[in-house]
Amino acid sequence: MMRKSIYMCIQLRRFLCVAALALLTACAPAGESIAVNVPAPDAAPAPAPDAFTVCHGFGCQFTSAVKLKPGS
């Protein structure tokens, strides 16, 4: 009788853990997207050898202006 009681207690704990995980999963936001700071195509000037923008940092999170000098 004691073993059956312990077994049922373990089963109840497992069930409660699974139920808690299911409830927590249901509360999580679904498919939340990450905002990336990418300038609009029409806002960026046309690239030229003397001045253009380089995108870097985990999916274009940062941009840097680059200027080339003749003979570089």
N, C-alpha and C. Protein backbone atom coordinates (compact mmCIF):
# COMPACT_ATOMS: atom_id res chain seq x y z
N MET A 1 0.83 -1.20 0.00
CA MET A 1 0.00 0.00 0.00
C MET A 1 0.87 1.25 0.00
N MET A 2 1.98 1.21 0.73
CA MET A 2 2.86 2.36 0.83
C MET A 2 3.52 2.65 -0.52
N ARG A 3 3.93 1.60 -1.24
CA ARG A 3 4.55 1.78 -2.55
C ARG A 3 3.58 2.40 -3.54
N LYS A 4 2.33 1.97 -3.49
CA LYS A 4 1.32 2.49 -4.39
C LYS A 4 1.09 3.98 -4.12
N SER A 5 1.11 4.37 -2.86
CA SER A 5 0.94 5.76 -2.49
C SER A 5 2.11 6.61 -2.98
N ILE A 6 3.31 6.10 -2.85
CA ILE A 6 4.49 6.83 -3.32
C ILE A 6 4.45 6.95 -4.85
N TYR A 7 4.09 5.86 -5.52
CA TYR A 7 3.99 5.86 -6.97
C TYR A 7 2.96 6.89 -7.44
N MET A 8 1.82 6.96 -6.78
CA MET A 8 0.77 7.92 -7.16
C MET A 8 1.24 9.35 -6.90
N CYS A 9 2.01 9.56 -5.84
CA CYS A 9 2.54 10.89 -5.55
C CYS A 9 3.51 11.32 -6.65
N ILE A 10 4.35 10.41 -7.09
CA ILE A 10 5.30 10.71 -8.17
C ILE A 10 4.54 11.03 -9.47
N GLN A 11 3.53 10.24 -9.76
CA GLN A 11 2.73 10.47 -10.96
C GLN A 11 2.02 11.82 -10.89
N LEU A 12 1.52 12.19 -9.72
CA LEU A 12 0.85 13.48 -9.55
C LEU A 12 1.84 14.61 -9.76
N ARG A 13 3.05 14.49 -9.26
CA ARG A 13 4.08 15.52 -9.45
C ARG A 13 4.41 15.67 -10.93
N ARG A 14 4.56 14.55 -11.61
CA ARG A 14 4.84 14.61 -13.05
C ARG A 14 3.72 15.32 -13.80
N PHE A 15 2.49 14.96 -13.46
CA PHE A 15 1.35 15.58 -14.12
C PHE A 15 1.32 17.08 -13.87
N LEU A 16 1.58 17.50 -12.63
CA LEU A 16 1.57 18.92 -12.30
C LEU A 16 2.69 19.67 -13.02
N CYS A 17 3.85 19.05 -13.14
CA CYS A 17 4.96 19.68 -13.87
C CYS A 17 4.62 19.86 -15.35
N VAL A 18 4.05 18.83 -15.95
CA VAL A 18 3.67 18.92 -17.36
C VAL A 18 2.58 19.97 -17.55
N ALA A 19 1.61 20.01 -16.65
CA ALA A 19 0.53 20.99 -16.74
C ALA A 19 1.08 22.41 -16.59
N ALA A 20 2.02 22.61 -15.66
CA ALA A 20 2.61 23.94 -15.47
C ALA A 20 3.38 24.36 -16.71
N LEU A 21 4.15 23.45 -17.29
CA LEU A 21 4.88 23.78 -18.52
C LEU A 21 3.94 24.12 -19.67
N ALA A 22 2.84 23.39 -19.76
CA ALA A 22 1.88 23.66 -20.83
C ALA A 22 1.26 25.05 -20.65
N LEU A 23 0.95 25.41 -19.42
CA LEU A 23 0.38 26.74 -19.17
C LEU A 23 1.39 27.84 -19.45
N LEU A 24 2.64 27.64 -19.06
CA LEU A 24 3.66 28.65 -19.31
C LEU A 24 3.94 28.80 -20.80
N THR A 25 3.90 27.71 -21.52
CA THR A 25 4.11 27.76 -22.96
C THR A 25 2.99 28.51 -23.65
N ALA A 26 1.78 28.34 -23.17
CA ALA A 26 0.63 29.02 -23.77
C ALA A 26 0.70 30.52 -23.54
N CYS A 27 1.39 30.96 -22.50
CA CYS A 27 1.50 32.39 -22.20
C CYS A 27 2.62 33.07 -22.98
N ALA A 28 3.50 32.32 -23.60
CA ALA A 28 4.62 32.89 -24.33
C ALA A 28 4.13 33.52 -25.63
N PRO A 29 4.71 34.65 -26.02
CA PRO A 29 4.31 35.27 -27.28
C PRO A 29 4.69 34.38 -28.47
N ALA A 30 3.79 34.26 -29.41
CA ALA A 30 4.02 33.38 -30.55
C ALA A 30 4.61 34.14 -31.72
N GLY A 31 5.76 33.68 -32.18
CA GLY A 31 6.35 34.24 -33.39
C GLY A 31 6.70 35.70 -33.30
N GLU A 32 7.15 36.16 -32.17
CA GLU A 32 7.49 37.57 -32.02
C GLU A 32 8.72 37.87 -32.88
N SER A 33 8.63 38.89 -33.70
CA SER A 33 9.74 39.20 -34.59
C SER A 33 10.69 40.18 -33.93
N ILE A 34 11.91 40.18 -34.38
CA ILE A 34 12.92 41.09 -33.86
C ILE A 34 13.01 42.27 -34.81
N ALA A 35 12.90 43.47 -34.25
CA ALA A 35 12.99 44.67 -35.06
C ALA A 35 14.44 44.92 -35.44
N VAL A 36 14.68 45.12 -36.70
CA VAL A 36 16.02 45.40 -37.20
C VAL A 36 16.00 46.80 -37.79
N ASN A 37 16.96 47.61 -37.40
CA ASN A 37 17.04 48.98 -37.87
C ASN A 37 17.70 49.02 -39.24
N VAL A 38 16.88 48.88 -40.27
CA VAL A 38 17.36 48.90 -41.64
C VAL A 38 16.76 50.11 -42.33
N PRO A 39 17.59 50.97 -42.88
CA PRO A 39 17.02 52.15 -43.55
C PRO A 39 16.21 51.76 -44.78
N ALA A 40 15.21 52.56 -45.07
CA ALA A 40 14.38 52.31 -46.24
C ALA A 40 15.22 52.47 -47.49
N PRO A 41 14.95 51.66 -48.53
CA PRO A 41 15.76 51.75 -49.75
C PRO A 41 15.78 53.13 -50.37
N ASP A 42 14.64 53.85 -50.32
CA ASP A 42 14.59 55.17 -50.93
C ASP A 42 15.29 56.23 -50.07
N ALA A 43 15.51 55.95 -48.77
CA ALA A 43 16.15 56.92 -47.90
C ALA A 43 17.67 56.90 -48.03
N ALA A 44 18.23 55.80 -48.48
CA ALA A 44 19.68 55.69 -48.60
C ALA A 44 20.12 56.29 -49.93
N PRO A 45 21.22 57.06 -49.89
CA PRO A 45 21.72 57.61 -51.16
C PRO A 45 22.29 56.50 -52.04
N ALA A 46 22.33 56.76 -53.32
CA ALA A 46 22.89 55.77 -54.26
C ALA A 46 24.37 55.58 -53.95
N PRO A 47 24.83 54.32 -53.87
CA PRO A 47 26.23 54.11 -53.56
C PRO A 47 27.13 54.57 -54.70
N ALA A 48 28.26 55.11 -54.32
CA ALA A 48 29.28 55.55 -55.27
C ALA A 48 30.63 55.19 -54.67
N PRO A 49 31.67 55.08 -55.48
CA PRO A 49 32.99 54.69 -54.93
C PRO A 49 33.51 55.66 -53.86
N ASP A 50 33.13 56.94 -53.95
CA ASP A 50 33.66 57.88 -52.97
C ASP A 50 32.84 57.93 -51.68
N ALA A 51 31.63 57.42 -51.65
CA ALA A 51 30.82 57.42 -50.43
C ALA A 51 29.73 56.35 -50.52
N PHE A 52 29.73 55.44 -49.57
CA PHE A 52 28.68 54.43 -49.49
C PHE A 52 28.54 53.96 -48.05
N THR A 53 27.50 53.20 -47.77
CA THR A 53 27.20 52.73 -46.43
C THR A 53 27.44 51.23 -46.35
N VAL A 54 28.10 50.81 -45.26
CA VAL A 54 28.34 49.39 -45.02
C VAL A 54 27.46 48.95 -43.86
N CYS A 55 26.77 47.85 -44.07
CA CYS A 55 25.86 47.30 -43.07
C CYS A 55 26.58 46.18 -42.32
N HIS A 56 26.51 46.20 -40.97
CA HIS A 56 27.17 45.16 -40.18
C HIS A 56 26.48 45.02 -38.83
N GLY A 57 26.88 44.02 -38.04
CA GLY A 57 26.36 43.86 -36.69
C GLY A 57 25.11 43.03 -36.58
N PHE A 58 25.22 41.73 -36.78
CA PHE A 58 24.11 40.81 -36.56
C PHE A 58 22.90 41.16 -37.40
N GLY A 59 23.04 41.12 -38.68
CA GLY A 59 21.90 41.34 -39.56
C GLY A 59 21.61 42.80 -39.80
N CYS A 60 22.62 43.60 -40.03
CA CYS A 60 22.47 45.01 -40.39
C CYS A 60 21.93 45.85 -39.23
N GLN A 61 22.35 45.54 -38.04
CA GLN A 61 21.92 46.32 -36.88
C GLN A 61 22.64 47.67 -36.86
N PHE A 62 23.84 47.73 -37.41
CA PHE A 62 24.61 48.96 -37.44
C PHE A 62 24.99 49.28 -38.89
N THR A 63 25.15 50.55 -39.19
CA THR A 63 25.63 50.98 -40.49
C THR A 63 26.77 51.97 -40.29
N SER A 64 27.71 51.96 -41.22
CA SER A 64 28.85 52.87 -41.16
C SER A 64 29.04 53.51 -42.53
N ALA A 65 29.28 54.81 -42.53
CA ALA A 65 29.57 55.52 -43.77
C ALA A 65 31.03 55.28 -44.13
N VAL A 66 31.30 54.95 -45.39
CA VAL A 66 32.65 54.68 -45.86
C VAL A 66 32.94 55.61 -47.03
N LYS A 67 34.14 56.19 -47.01
CA LYS A 67 34.58 57.04 -48.12
C LYS A 67 35.94 56.53 -48.60
N LEU A 68 36.07 56.35 -49.90
CA LEU A 68 37.34 55.89 -50.47
C LEU A 68 38.05 57.07 -51.13
N LYS A 69 39.34 57.08 -51.00
CA LYS A 69 40.15 58.11 -51.65
C LYS A 69 40.76 57.52 -52.91
N PRO A 70 40.99 58.33 -53.91
CA PRO A 70 41.64 57.82 -55.13
C PRO A 70 43.01 57.27 -54.80
N GLY A 71 43.34 56.15 -55.40
CA GLY A 71 44.63 55.51 -55.18
C GLY A 71 44.71 54.68 -53.92
N SER A 72 43.60 54.43 -53.27
CA SER A 72 43.61 53.62 -52.03
C SER A 72 43.51 52.16 -52.37
